[in-house]
Amino acid sequence: MEQLIDAFLDHLTVERGLASNTRIAYRADLAQFVDFLHSRGVEHLNDARRQLITEYLLHRRKGGLSARSLSRHLAAIRTFCRFLSREKLLVADPTQTIDSPKLWRTLPHSLDYEEVGRLLDAPDTRTKLGIRDKAMLEFMYATGLRVSEVAHIKLSDINFEAGFLRSLGKGSKERIVPIGRQAIDWMQRYLHEARGSFAGADTVGEVFLSTRGQPLSRKTIWVLIKKYARRAGISKNIMPHTLRHSFASHLLNNGGDLRVIQEMLGHADISTTQIYTHVDQQRLKETHYRFHPRSGRR
């Protein structure tokens, strides 16, 4: 295949005036692809099916390559295959139906149930700040609000008796979100035992305050979440929306309706919510192993 790559690059240099740097990049990308094919026992591109090319791209993605770099790799492979097809050196172009990796969406980071439990238990509730932080974490996991929405939520937005809150999300779009019983209990404990002792608590409408009576900023909330994740021994890369992602994933895993979850998250497009419909691969394997008659268990 190396000779085919040379012929391809010569064609691009002559026909398209390929710059030397671009030629070097193309050669490097194609050489890595060919090495991958050889590692799979494939010696000719006619034996490289679409699935194998997708597998190569996923392999590079797992290795840390960005979607932009993957798109460049695919462009090189696609142009190479088109050239070989025109030259009658390839029976069929396996790249025709492969989407650009720019369209691939990274699954959001989320925590499993045990990790969420450890995170929620991390604050020291013997202190007023610990009670505040415990209430905030319970509230975030119970509602799936964005960090910016949590920072701006006001006491007047919450109906504790009904168990609902009103939130203004992106584009000032209002939505109603339920709050679970545990979150309500911790919120009320925070309001009764801690918030009133913070400076200016009687004059500030936001729920979550610093000891100086200032509303917690989005950045401060993120810092607090990361602090408690470390305290809980969670090694995953915690992001600002980790609890929001966990909220959505856990609802779906337990049979929640996608449209209802879309409404609670405040997504304008259902496709944004559908990113949470991924199936946990380990759980999939365990189910197959336990229940399929020819899985090897029996």
C-alpha atoms as a PDB file:
ATOM      1  CA  MET A   1       0.000   0.000   0.000  1.00  0.00           C
ATOM      2  CA  GLU A   2       2.996   2.294   0.449  1.00  0.00           C
ATOM      3  CA  GLN A   3       3.468   2.434  -3.343  1.00  0.00           C
ATOM      4  CA  LEU A   4      -0.176   3.424  -3.759  1.00  0.00           C
ATOM      5  CA  ILE A   5       0.306   6.236  -1.241  1.00  0.00           C
ATOM      6  CA  ASP A   6       3.324   7.490  -3.207  1.00  0.00           C
ATOM      7  CA  ALA A   7       1.300   7.452  -6.446  1.00  0.00           C
ATOM      8  CA  PHE A   8      -1.554   9.280  -4.738  1.00  0.00           C
ATOM      9  CA  LEU A   9       0.718  11.994  -3.325  1.00  0.00           C
ATOM     10  CA  ASP A  10       2.466  12.429  -6.685  1.00  0.00           C
ATOM     11  CA  HIS A  11      -0.957  12.896  -8.294  1.00  0.00           C
ATOM     12  CA  LEU A  12      -1.934  15.550  -5.766  1.00  0.00           C
ATOM     13  CA  THR A  13       1.392  17.339  -6.162  1.00  0.00           C
ATOM     14  CA  VAL A  14       1.118  17.485  -9.937  1.00  0.00           C
ATOM     15  CA  GLU A  15      -2.616  17.991 -10.358  1.00  0.00           C
ATOM     16  CA  ARG A  16      -3.365  20.180  -7.339  1.00  0.00           C
ATOM     17  CA  GLY A  17      -0.013  21.735  -6.536  1.00  0.00           C
ATOM     18  CA  LEU A  18       0.030  20.117  -3.096  1.00  0.00           C
ATOM     19  CA  ALA A  19       2.229  22.060  -0.672  1.00  0.00           C
ATOM     20  CA  SER A  20       5.149  20.159   0.851  1.00  0.00           C
ATOM     21  CA  ASN A  21       3.808  20.493   4.416  1.00  0.00           C
ATOM     22  CA  THR A  22       0.403  19.191   3.351  1.00  0.00           C
ATOM     23  CA  ARG A  23       2.069  16.298   1.548  1.00  0.00           C
ATOM     24  CA  ILE A  24       3.976  15.408   4.718  1.00  0.00           C
ATOM     25  CA  ALA A  25       0.776  15.553   6.778  1.00  0.00           C
ATOM     26  CA  TYR A  26      -1.115  13.373   4.265  1.00  0.00           C
ATOM     27  CA  ARG A  27       1.696  10.830   4.235  1.00  0.00           C
ATOM     28  CA  ALA A  28       1.814  10.663   8.032  1.00  0.00           C
ATOM     29  CA  ASP A  29      -1.966  10.259   8.324  1.00  0.00           C
ATOM     30  CA  LEU A  30      -2.133   7.551   5.665  1.00  0.00           C
ATOM     31  CA  ALA A  31       0.911   5.727   7.056  1.00  0.00           C
ATOM     32  CA  GLN A  32      -0.782   5.502  10.461  1.00  0.00           C
ATOM     33  CA  PHE A  33      -3.947   4.206   8.806  1.00  0.00           C
ATOM     34  CA  VAL A  34      -2.013   1.568   6.859  1.00  0.00           C
ATOM     35  CA  ASP A  35      -0.195   0.481  10.025  1.00  0.00           C
ATOM     36  CA  PHE A  36      -3.573   0.024  11.689  1.00  0.00           C
ATOM     37  CA  LEU A  37      -4.816  -2.098   8.761  1.00  0.00           C
ATOM     38  CA  HIS A  38      -1.692  -4.244   8.916  1.00  0.00           C
ATOM     39  CA  SER A  39      -2.250  -4.771  12.649  1.00  0.00           C
ATOM     40  CA  ARG A  40      -5.703  -6.129  11.745  1.00  0.00           C
ATOM     41  CA  GLY A  41      -4.287  -8.448   9.097  1.00  0.00           C
ATOM     42  CA  VAL A  42      -5.497  -6.339   6.158  1.00  0.00           C
ATOM     43  CA  GLU A  43      -2.963  -6.055   3.328  1.00  0.00           C
ATOM     44  CA  HIS A  44      -5.094  -4.349   0.654  1.00  0.00           C
ATOM     45  CA  LEU A  45      -7.684  -1.580   0.777  1.00  0.00           C
ATOM     46  CA  ASN A  46     -10.206  -3.790  -1.020  1.00  0.00           C
ATOM     47  CA  ASP A  47     -10.418  -5.696   2.254  1.00  0.00           C
ATOM     48  CA  ALA A  48     -10.879  -2.544   4.333  1.00  0.00           C
ATOM     49  CA  ARG A  49     -14.588  -2.295   5.026  1.00  0.00           C
ATOM     50  CA  ARG A  50     -16.409   0.782   6.330  1.00  0.00           C
ATOM     51  CA  GLN A  51     -16.577  -0.720   9.819  1.00  0.00           C
ATOM     52  CA  LEU A  52     -12.801  -1.112   9.949  1.00  0.00           C
ATOM     53  CA  ILE A  53     -12.234   2.525   8.998  1.00  0.00           C
ATOM     54  CA  THR A  54     -14.694   3.630  11.666  1.00  0.00           C
ATOM     55  CA  GLU A  55     -12.877   1.387  14.134  1.00  0.00           C
ATOM     56  CA  TYR A  56      -9.613   3.125  13.206  1.00  0.00           C
ATOM     57  CA  LEU A  57     -11.115   6.563  13.819  1.00  0.00           C
ATOM     58  CA  LEU A  58     -12.530   5.464  17.175  1.00  0.00           C
ATOM     59  CA  HIS A  59      -9.134   4.001  18.054  1.00  0.00           C
ATOM     60  CA  ARG A  60      -7.490   7.355  17.370  1.00  0.00           C
ATOM     61  CA  ARG A  61     -10.204   9.194  19.294  1.00  0.00           C
ATOM     62  CA  LYS A  62      -9.605   7.014  22.349  1.00  0.00           C
ATOM     63  CA  GLY A  63      -5.925   7.877  21.967  1.00  0.00           C
ATOM     64  CA  GLY A  64      -6.802  11.521  22.547  1.00  0.00           C
ATOM     65  CA  LEU A  65      -7.092  12.840  18.978  1.00  0.00           C
ATOM     66  CA  SER A  66      -9.540  15.741  18.653  1.00  0.00           C
ATOM     67  CA  ALA A  67     -12.574  15.691  16.359  1.00  0.00           C
ATOM     68  CA  ARG A  68     -10.838  18.290  14.173  1.00  0.00           C
ATOM     69  CA  SER A  69      -7.736  16.108  13.754  1.00  0.00           C
ATOM     70  CA  LEU A  70      -9.904  13.051  13.118  1.00  0.00           C
ATOM     71  CA  SER A  71     -11.691  14.963  10.356  1.00  0.00           C
ATOM     72  CA  ARG A  72      -8.320  15.648   8.750  1.00  0.00           C
ATOM     73  CA  HIS A  73      -7.426  11.950   8.970  1.00  0.00           C
ATOM     74  CA  LEU A  74     -10.729  10.952   7.386  1.00  0.00           C
ATOM     75  CA  ALA A  75     -10.301  13.570   4.649  1.00  0.00           C
ATOM     76  CA  ALA A  76      -6.920  12.071   3.745  1.00  0.00           C
ATOM     77  CA  ILE A  77      -8.320   8.520   3.717  1.00  0.00           C
ATOM     78  CA  ARG A  78     -11.399   9.584   1.741  1.00  0.00           C
ATOM     79  CA  THR A  79      -9.376  11.460  -0.899  1.00  0.00           C
ATOM     80  CA  PHE A  80      -7.008   8.493  -1.148  1.00  0.00           C
ATOM     81  CA  CYS A  81      -9.883   6.038  -1.685  1.00  0.00           C
ATOM     82  CA  ARG A  82     -11.500   8.274  -4.325  1.00  0.00           C
ATOM     83  CA  PHE A  83      -8.208   8.418  -6.198  1.00  0.00           C
ATOM     84  CA  LEU A  84      -7.866   4.630  -6.128  1.00  0.00           C
ATOM     85  CA  SER A  85     -11.492   4.213  -7.259  1.00  0.00           C
ATOM     86  CA  ARG A  86     -10.914   6.504 -10.265  1.00  0.00           C
ATOM     87  CA  GLU A  87      -7.784   4.556 -11.115  1.00  0.00           C
ATOM     88  CA  LYS A  88      -9.752   1.285 -10.930  1.00  0.00           C
ATOM     89  CA  LEU A  89      -7.524   0.094  -8.092  1.00  0.00           C
ATOM     90  CA  LEU A  90     -10.376  -0.100  -5.626  1.00  0.00           C
ATOM     91  CA  VAL A  91     -13.584  -2.058  -6.176  1.00  0.00           C
ATOM     92  CA  ALA A  92     -15.706   0.183  -3.952  1.00  0.00           C
ATOM     93  CA  ASP A  93     -15.067   3.287  -1.867  1.00  0.00           C
ATOM     94  CA  PRO A  94     -15.706   2.317   1.780  1.00  0.00           C
ATOM     95  CA  THR A  95     -15.585   5.946   2.989  1.00  0.00           C
ATOM     96  CA  GLN A  96     -18.660   7.205   1.126  1.00  0.00           C
ATOM     97  CA  THR A  97     -21.115   6.695   3.988  1.00  0.00           C
ATOM     98  CA  ILE A  98     -18.878   7.685   6.907  1.00  0.00           C
ATOM     99  CA  ASP A  99     -19.935  10.898   8.675  1.00  0.00           C
ATOM    100  CA  SER A 100     -17.364  13.530   9.455  1.00  0.00           C
ATOM    101  CA  PRO A 101     -15.993  13.117  13.013  1.00  0.00           C
ATOM    102  CA  LYS A 102     -16.864  16.799  13.501  1.00  0.00           C
ATOM    103  CA  LEU A 103     -20.436  15.562  13.815  1.00  0.00           C
ATOM    104  CA  TRP A 104     -19.533  13.021  16.465  1.00  0.00           C
ATOM    105  CA  ARG A 105     -20.673  14.033  19.895  1.00  0.00           C
ATOM    106  CA  THR A 106     -18.698  13.267  23.000  1.00  0.00           C
ATOM    107  CA  LEU A 107     -20.780  11.597  25.681  1.00  0.00           C
ATOM    108  CA  PRO A 108     -21.026  13.819  28.726  1.00  0.00           C
ATOM    109  CA  HIS A 109     -19.215  12.900  31.913  1.00  0.00           C
ATOM    110  CA  SER A 110     -21.569  11.478  34.506  1.00  0.00           C
ATOM    111  CA  LEU A 111     -21.247   9.684  37.821  1.00  0.00           C
ATOM    112  CA  ASP A 112     -22.694   6.307  38.718  1.00  0.00           C
ATOM    113  CA  TYR A 113     -25.100   5.939  41.641  1.00  0.00           C
ATOM    114  CA  GLU A 114     -22.413   5.024  44.166  1.00  0.00           C
ATOM    115  CA  GLU A 115     -20.223   7.971  43.152  1.00  0.00           C
ATOM    116  CA  VAL A 116     -23.152  10.376  43.442  1.00  0.00           C
ATOM    117  CA  GLY A 117     -23.848   9.035  46.923  1.00  0.00           C
ATOM    118  CA  ARG A 118     -20.251   9.603  47.990  1.00  0.00           C
ATOM    119  CA  LEU A 119     -20.248  13.104  46.533  1.00  0.00           C
ATOM    120  CA  LEU A 120     -23.480  14.072  48.287  1.00  0.00           C
ATOM    121  CA  ASP A 121     -22.134  12.730  51.580  1.00  0.00           C
ATOM    122  CA  ALA A 122     -18.807  14.585  51.298  1.00  0.00           C
ATOM    123  CA  PRO A 123     -19.766  17.930  52.992  1.00  0.00           C
ATOM    124  CA  ASP A 124     -19.333  18.129  56.764  1.00  0.00           C
ATOM    125  CA  THR A 125     -22.886  18.858  57.887  1.00  0.00           C
ATOM    126  CA  ARG A 126     -21.710  19.681  61.412  1.00  0.00           C
ATOM    127  CA  THR A 127     -20.843  23.126  60.029  1.00  0.00           C
ATOM    128  CA  LYS A 128     -23.098  25.760  58.493  1.00  0.00           C
ATOM    129  CA  LEU A 129     -21.081  25.837  55.274  1.00  0.00           C
ATOM    130  CA  GLY A 130     -21.273  22.064  55.126  1.00  0.00           C
ATOM    131  CA  ILE A 131     -25.065  22.212  55.471  1.00  0.00           C
ATOM    132  CA  ARG A 132     -25.176  24.793  52.662  1.00  0.00           C
ATOM    133  CA  ASP A 133     -23.007  22.691  50.393  1.00  0.00           C
ATOM    134  CA  LYS A 134     -24.904  19.489  51.170  1.00  0.00           C
ATOM    135  CA  ALA A 135     -28.190  21.244  50.334  1.00  0.00           C
ATOM    136  CA  MET A 136     -26.710  22.656  47.136  1.00  0.00           C
ATOM    137  CA  LEU A 137     -25.390  19.283  45.911  1.00  0.00           C
ATOM    138  CA  GLU A 138     -28.683  17.533  46.732  1.00  0.00           C
ATOM    139  CA  PHE A 139     -30.544  20.336  44.947  1.00  0.00           C
ATOM    140  CA  MET A 140     -28.377  20.111  41.831  1.00  0.00           C
ATOM    141  CA  TYR A 141     -28.694  16.341  41.537  1.00  0.00           C
ATOM    142  CA  ALA A 142     -32.445  16.462  42.220  1.00  0.00           C
ATOM    143  CA  THR A 143     -33.240  19.114  39.625  1.00  0.00           C
ATOM    144  CA  GLY A 144     -30.598  18.861  36.896  1.00  0.00           C
ATOM    145  CA  LEU A 145     -30.280  22.646  36.748  1.00  0.00           C
ATOM    146  CA  ARG A 146     -27.328  24.245  34.996  1.00  0.00           C
ATOM    147  CA  VAL A 147     -24.665  25.631  37.324  1.00  0.00           C
ATOM    148  CA  SER A 148     -25.520  29.174  36.191  1.00  0.00           C
ATOM    149  CA  GLU A 149     -29.193  28.527  37.023  1.00  0.00           C
ATOM    150  CA  VAL A 150     -28.278  27.243  40.492  1.00  0.00           C
ATOM    151  CA  ALA A 151     -26.229  30.388  41.091  1.00  0.00           C
ATOM    152  CA  HIS A 152     -29.213  32.600  40.230  1.00  0.00           C
ATOM    153  CA  ILE A 153     -32.061  30.590  41.755  1.00  0.00           C
ATOM    154  CA  LYS A 154     -34.064  32.741  44.184  1.00  0.00           C
ATOM    155  CA  LEU A 155     -36.141  31.844  47.214  1.00  0.00           C
ATOM    156  CA  SER A 156     -39.192  33.169  45.388  1.00  0.00           C
ATOM    157  CA  ASP A 157     -38.587  30.632  42.588  1.00  0.00           C
ATOM    158  CA  ILE A 158     -39.133  27.630  44.869  1.00  0.00           C
ATOM    159  CA  ASN A 159     -42.455  26.259  46.105  1.00  0.00           C
ATOM    160  CA  PHE A 160     -41.421  23.889  48.872  1.00  0.00           C
ATOM    161  CA  GLU A 161     -44.976  22.802  49.663  1.00  0.00           C
ATOM    162  CA  ALA A 162     -45.699  21.774  46.074  1.00  0.00           C
ATOM    163  CA  GLY A 163     -42.167  20.456  45.493  1.00  0.00           C
ATOM    164  CA  PHE A 164     -41.497  22.488  42.348  1.00  0.00           C
ATOM    165  CA  LEU A 165     -39.262  25.323  41.239  1.00  0.00           C
ATOM    166  CA  ARG A 166     -39.414  27.852  38.430  1.00  0.00           C
ATOM    167  CA  SER A 167     -36.224  28.408  36.480  1.00  0.00           C
ATOM    168  CA  LEU A 168     -35.255  30.791  33.715  1.00  0.00           C
ATOM    169  CA  GLY A 169     -32.815  29.016  31.428  1.00  0.00           C
ATOM    170  CA  LYS A 170     -31.122  29.886  28.170  1.00  0.00           C
ATOM    171  CA  GLY A 171     -32.936  32.556  26.193  1.00  0.00           C
ATOM    172  CA  SER A 172     -34.948  33.431  29.316  1.00  0.00           C
ATOM    173  CA  LYS A 173     -37.054  30.342  28.700  1.00  0.00           C
ATOM    174  CA  GLU A 174     -39.078  29.493  31.800  1.00  0.00           C
ATOM    175  CA  ARG A 175     -39.616  25.922  32.905  1.00  0.00           C
ATOM    176  CA  ILE A 176     -41.048  24.137  35.919  1.00  0.00           C
ATOM    177  CA  VAL A 177     -38.884  21.439  37.535  1.00  0.00           C
ATOM    178  CA  PRO A 178     -39.814  19.074  40.402  1.00  0.00           C
ATOM    179  CA  ILE A 179     -37.612  18.761  43.502  1.00  0.00           C
ATOM    180  CA  GLY A 180     -37.202  15.481  45.337  1.00  0.00           C
ATOM    181  CA  ARG A 181     -38.053  15.022  49.000  1.00  0.00           C
ATOM    182  CA  GLN A 182     -34.456  14.627  50.172  1.00  0.00           C
ATOM    183  CA  ALA A 183     -33.381  17.803  48.404  1.00  0.00           C
ATOM    184  CA  ILE A 184     -36.302  19.714  49.920  1.00  0.00           C
ATOM    185  CA  ASP A 185     -35.433  18.457  53.407  1.00  0.00           C
ATOM    186  CA  TRP A 186     -31.805  19.593  53.087  1.00  0.00           C
ATOM    187  CA  MET A 187     -32.801  22.906  51.527  1.00  0.00           C
ATOM    188  CA  GLN A 188     -35.127  23.633  54.427  1.00  0.00           C
ATOM    189  CA  ARG A 189     -32.478  22.656  56.950  1.00  0.00           C
ATOM    190  CA  TYR A 190     -30.045  25.020  55.218  1.00  0.00           C
ATOM    191  CA  LEU A 191     -32.579  27.856  55.305  1.00  0.00           C
ATOM    192  CA  HIS A 192     -33.422  27.280  58.979  1.00  0.00           C
ATOM    193  CA  GLU A 193     -29.957  26.530  60.379  1.00  0.00           C
ATOM    194  CA  ALA A 194     -27.370  28.207  58.182  1.00  0.00           C
ATOM    195  CA  ARG A 195     -28.428  30.801  55.636  1.00  0.00           C
ATOM    196  CA  GLY A 196     -29.823  33.269  58.180  1.00  0.00           C
ATOM    197  CA  SER A 197     -26.427  33.600  59.837  1.00  0.00           C
ATOM    198  CA  PHE A 198     -24.740  34.782  56.652  1.00  0.00           C
ATOM    199  CA  ALA A 199     -24.261  38.543  56.265  1.00  0.00           C
ATOM    200  CA  GLY A 200     -27.091  40.249  54.388  1.00  0.00           C
ATOM    201  CA  ALA A 201     -29.184  37.091  54.157  1.00  0.00           C
ATOM    202  CA  ASP A 202     -32.392  39.082  54.711  1.00  0.00           C
ATOM    203  CA  THR A 203     -31.741  41.405  51.765  1.00  0.00           C
ATOM    204  CA  VAL A 204     -30.427  38.968  49.128  1.00  0.00           C
ATOM    205  CA  GLY A 205     -32.913  36.956  47.097  1.00  0.00           C
ATOM    206  CA  GLU A 206     -30.586  34.232  45.824  1.00  0.00           C
ATOM    207  CA  VAL A 207     -30.720  30.944  47.706  1.00  0.00           C
ATOM    208  CA  PHE A 208     -27.073  29.954  47.937  1.00  0.00           C
ATOM    209  CA  LEU A 209     -24.890  32.574  49.613  1.00  0.00           C
ATOM    210  CA  SER A 210     -21.341  32.998  50.845  1.00  0.00           C
ATOM    211  CA  THR A 211     -20.694  33.871  54.490  1.00  0.00           C
ATOM    212  CA  ARG A 212     -20.391  37.498  53.324  1.00  0.00           C
ATOM    213  CA  GLY A 213     -23.922  37.394  51.976  1.00  0.00           C
ATOM    214  CA  GLN A 214     -22.973  37.306  48.293  1.00  0.00           C
ATOM    215  CA  PRO A 215     -24.636  34.873  45.872  1.00  0.00           C
ATOM    216  CA  LEU A 216     -22.321  32.007  45.017  1.00  0.00           C
ATOM    217  CA  SER A 217     -20.880  32.430  41.535  1.00  0.00           C
ATOM    218  CA  ARG A 218     -20.838  29.738  38.885  1.00  0.00           C
ATOM    219  CA  LYS A 219     -17.076  29.433  39.303  1.00  0.00           C
ATOM    220  CA  THR A 220     -17.331  29.060  43.094  1.00  0.00           C
ATOM    221  CA  ILE A 221     -19.943  26.315  42.752  1.00  0.00           C
ATOM    222  CA  TRP A 222     -17.697  24.455  40.310  1.00  0.00           C
ATOM    223  CA  VAL A 223     -14.730  24.777  42.691  1.00  0.00           C
ATOM    224  CA  LEU A 224     -16.852  23.402  45.540  1.00  0.00           C
ATOM    225  CA  ILE A 225     -18.015  20.417  43.460  1.00  0.00           C
ATOM    226  CA  LYS A 226     -14.430  19.573  42.509  1.00  0.00           C
ATOM    227  CA  LYS A 227     -13.349  19.883  46.154  1.00  0.00           C
ATOM    228  CA  TYR A 228     -15.999  17.461  47.334  1.00  0.00           C
ATOM    229  CA  ALA A 229     -15.277  15.083  44.444  1.00  0.00           C
ATOM    230  CA  ARG A 230     -11.662  14.881  45.613  1.00  0.00           C
ATOM    231  CA  ARG A 231     -12.806  14.371  49.199  1.00  0.00           C
ATOM    232  CA  ALA A 232     -15.115  11.571  48.031  1.00  0.00           C
ATOM    233  CA  GLY A 233     -12.242   9.878  46.192  1.00  0.00           C
ATOM    234  CA  ILE A 234     -13.807  10.331  42.747  1.00  0.00           C
ATOM    235  CA  SER A 235     -11.093  10.191  40.088  1.00  0.00           C
ATOM    236  CA  LYS A 236     -13.299  11.112  37.122  1.00  0.00           C
ATOM    237  CA  ASN A 237     -12.809  14.486  35.484  1.00  0.00           C
ATOM    238  CA  ILE A 238     -15.535  16.559  37.137  1.00  0.00           C
ATOM    239  CA  MET A 239     -17.041  19.242  34.918  1.00  0.00           C
ATOM    240  CA  PRO A 240     -19.476  22.065  35.786  1.00  0.00           C
ATOM    241  CA  HIS A 241     -22.441  20.047  34.511  1.00  0.00           C
ATOM    242  CA  THR A 242     -21.437  16.640  35.907  1.00  0.00           C
ATOM    243  CA  LEU A 243     -24.396  16.474  38.310  1.00  0.00           C
ATOM    244  CA  ARG A 244     -26.740  17.687  35.563  1.00  0.00           C
ATOM    245  CA  HIS A 245     -25.490  14.919  33.268  1.00  0.00           C
ATOM    246  CA  SER A 246     -25.829  12.364  36.069  1.00  0.00           C
ATOM    247  CA  PHE A 247     -29.400  13.552  36.728  1.00  0.00           C
ATOM    248  CA  ALA A 248     -30.383  12.973  33.092  1.00  0.00           C
ATOM    249  CA  SER A 249     -28.527   9.684  32.662  1.00  0.00           C
ATOM    250  CA  HIS A 250     -29.982   8.176  35.836  1.00  0.00           C
ATOM    251  CA  LEU A 251     -33.526   9.195  34.939  1.00  0.00           C
ATOM    252  CA  LEU A 252     -33.177   7.548  31.534  1.00  0.00           C
ATOM    253  CA  ASN A 253     -31.539   4.440  32.983  1.00  0.00           C
ATOM    254  CA  ASN A 254     -34.550   4.020  35.246  1.00  0.00           C
ATOM    255  CA  GLY A 255     -37.105   4.379  32.455  1.00  0.00           C
ATOM    256  CA  GLY A 256     -37.702   8.130  32.394  1.00  0.00           C
ATOM    257  CA  ASP A 257     -39.477   9.518  29.333  1.00  0.00           C
ATOM    258  CA  LEU A 258     -37.085  11.347  27.014  1.00  0.00           C
ATOM    259  CA  ARG A 259     -39.537  14.170  26.263  1.00  0.00           C
ATOM    260  CA  VAL A 260     -40.180  14.806  29.952  1.00  0.00           C
ATOM    261  CA  ILE A 261     -36.437  14.847  30.669  1.00  0.00           C
ATOM    262  CA  GLN A 262     -35.997  17.267  27.766  1.00  0.00           C
ATOM    263  CA  GLU A 263     -38.507  19.597  29.399  1.00  0.00           C
ATOM    264  CA  MET A 264     -36.836  19.375  32.804  1.00  0.00           C
ATOM    265  CA  LEU A 265     -33.401  20.062  31.320  1.00  0.00           C
ATOM    266  CA  GLY A 266     -34.703  22.988  29.287  1.00  0.00           C
ATOM    267  CA  HIS A 267     -33.408  21.665  25.963  1.00  0.00           C
ATOM    268  CA  ALA A 268     -34.977  23.357  22.963  1.00  0.00           C
ATOM    269  CA  ASP A 269     -34.160  20.393  20.687  1.00  0.00           C
ATOM    270  CA  ILE A 270     -34.792  16.733  21.552  1.00  0.00           C
ATOM    271  CA  SER A 271     -31.530  15.804  19.785  1.00  0.00           C
ATOM    272  CA  THR A 272     -29.615  17.535  22.582  1.00  0.00           C
ATOM    273  CA  THR A 273     -31.303  15.287  25.140  1.00  0.00           C
ATOM    274  CA  GLN A 274     -30.755  12.155  23.039  1.00  0.00           C
ATOM    275  CA  ILE A 275     -27.044  12.242  23.805  1.00  0.00           C
ATOM    276  CA  TYR A 276     -27.972  10.725  27.177  1.00  0.00           C
ATOM    277  CA  THR A 277     -29.547   7.646  25.584  1.00  0.00           C
ATOM    278  CA  HIS A 278     -26.208   5.836  25.337  1.00  0.00           C
ATOM    279  CA  VAL A 279     -26.208   2.343  26.791  1.00  0.00           C
ATOM    280  CA  ASP A 280     -23.700   1.525  29.457  1.00  0.00           C
ATOM    281  CA  GLN A 281     -21.500  -1.054  27.704  1.00  0.00           C
ATOM    282  CA  GLN A 282     -20.544  -2.905  30.858  1.00  0.00           C
ATOM    283  CA  ARG A 283     -24.200  -3.243  31.849  1.00  0.00           C
ATOM    284  CA  LEU A 284     -24.963  -4.433  28.318  1.00  0.00           C
ATOM    285  CA  LYS A 285     -22.256  -7.108  28.578  1.00  0.00           C
ATOM    286  CA  GLU A 286     -23.461  -8.230  31.994  1.00  0.00           C
ATOM    287  CA  THR A 287     -27.053  -8.535  30.750  1.00  0.00           C
ATOM    288  CA  HIS A 288     -25.946 -10.582  27.734  1.00  0.00           C
ATOM    289  CA  TYR A 289     -23.758 -12.800  29.912  1.00  0.00           C
ATOM    290  CA  ARG A 290     -26.526 -13.408  32.448  1.00  0.00           C
ATOM    291  CA  PHE A 291     -29.442 -14.054  30.111  1.00  0.00           C
ATOM    292  CA  HIS A 292     -28.266 -15.186  26.678  1.00  0.00           C
ATOM    293  CA  PRO A 293     -28.297 -19.000  26.429  1.00  0.00           C
ATOM    294  CA  ARG A 294     -25.072 -19.108  24.409  1.00  0.00           C
ATOM    295  CA  SER A 295     -23.117 -16.420  26.229  1.00  0.00           C
ATOM    296  CA  GLY A 296     -20.772 -18.960  27.776  1.00  0.00           C
ATOM    297  CA  ARG A 297     -22.289 -18.793  31.242  1.00  0.00           C
ATOM    298  CA  ARG A 298     -23.777 -22.251  31.058  1.00  0.00           C
END
